[in-house]
Amino acid sequence: MGGCGIISGMAEIKAIFHKCEPPETGYWAEVPSLPGCVSEGATLEECKAMIRDAAEGWLESAWELVG
């Protein structure tokens, strides 16, 4: 479907959004630079919010591991 930047603090991270294949509905997204960072939502707006939250959680966990 396409990608866009999501903001987490001062960093912009690219997320790629996909429309679900029938019979599924909604959208799912992935952040290629954050392995395993995926999310979904019933609408594109919900999916954007969910992937932003998932990316922030991924980054917070990574900081805790190296911190």
Protein backbone atom coordinates (compact mmCIF):
# COMPACT_ATOMS: atom_id res chain seq x y z
CA MET A 1 0.00 0.00 0.00
CA GLY A 2 2.72 2.45 0.90
CA GLY A 3 4.88 3.86 3.60
CA CYS A 4 5.21 6.94 5.69
CA GLY A 5 7.32 8.21 8.54
CA ILE A 6 6.25 7.77 12.12
CA ILE A 7 7.65 10.04 14.76
CA SER A 8 9.12 8.72 18.00
CA GLY A 9 10.80 11.51 19.96
CA MET A 10 13.22 13.16 17.56
CA ALA A 11 13.62 10.20 15.19
CA GLU A 12 11.57 9.54 12.08
CA ILE A 13 11.16 5.86 11.30
CA LYS A 14 9.67 4.44 8.12
CA ALA A 15 6.61 2.23 8.46
CA ILE A 16 5.03 0.33 5.57
CA PHE A 17 1.24 -0.05 5.57
CA HIS A 18 -0.68 -2.87 3.90
CA LYS A 19 -4.38 -3.41 3.27
CA CYS A 20 -5.43 -6.85 4.52
CA GLU A 21 -6.35 -9.44 1.93
CA PRO A 22 -9.97 -10.62 1.85
CA PRO A 23 -11.66 -12.17 3.74
CA GLU A 24 -9.70 -10.21 6.37
CA THR A 25 -10.42 -6.49 6.73
CA GLY A 26 -8.41 -3.55 7.97
CA TYR A 27 -4.73 -2.75 7.70
CA TRP A 28 -1.42 -3.98 9.04
CA ALA A 29 1.94 -2.25 9.23
CA GLU A 30 5.58 -3.12 9.67
CA VAL A 31 8.72 -1.17 10.53
CA PRO A 32 11.52 -2.78 8.49
CA SER A 33 14.30 -1.20 10.56
CA LEU A 34 12.87 -2.67 13.80
CA PRO A 35 12.79 -6.48 13.43
CA GLY A 36 9.48 -7.97 14.51
CA CYS A 37 7.77 -4.60 14.89
CA VAL A 38 4.32 -5.09 13.35
CA SER A 39 0.80 -4.04 14.23
CA GLU A 40 -2.71 -3.87 12.82
CA GLY A 41 -5.87 -1.82 12.97
CA ALA A 42 -9.42 -1.76 11.68
CA THR A 43 -8.81 1.58 9.93
CA LEU A 44 -5.70 3.18 8.50
CA GLU A 45 -5.76 5.82 11.25
CA GLU A 46 -6.00 3.15 13.94
CA CYS A 47 -3.18 1.21 12.30
CA LYS A 48 -0.98 4.34 12.26
CA ALA A 49 -1.57 4.88 15.98
CA MET A 50 -0.94 1.21 16.76
CA ILE A 51 2.33 0.99 14.79
CA ARG A 52 3.55 4.22 16.40
CA ASP A 53 2.87 2.68 19.82
CA ALA A 54 4.56 -0.59 18.80
CA ALA A 55 7.66 1.24 17.52
CA GLU A 56 7.91 3.32 20.68
CA GLY A 57 7.66 0.15 22.77
CA TRP A 58 10.29 -1.57 20.64
CA LEU A 59 12.67 1.37 21.03
CA GLU A 60 12.07 1.66 24.80
CA SER A 61 12.84 -2.06 25.21
CA ALA A 62 16.01 -1.71 23.15
CA TRP A 63 17.19 1.23 25.26
CA GLU A 64 16.58 -0.77 28.45
CA LEU A 65 18.71 -3.63 27.10
CA VAL A 66 21.67 -1.38 26.23
CA GLY A 67 21.16 1.18 28.99
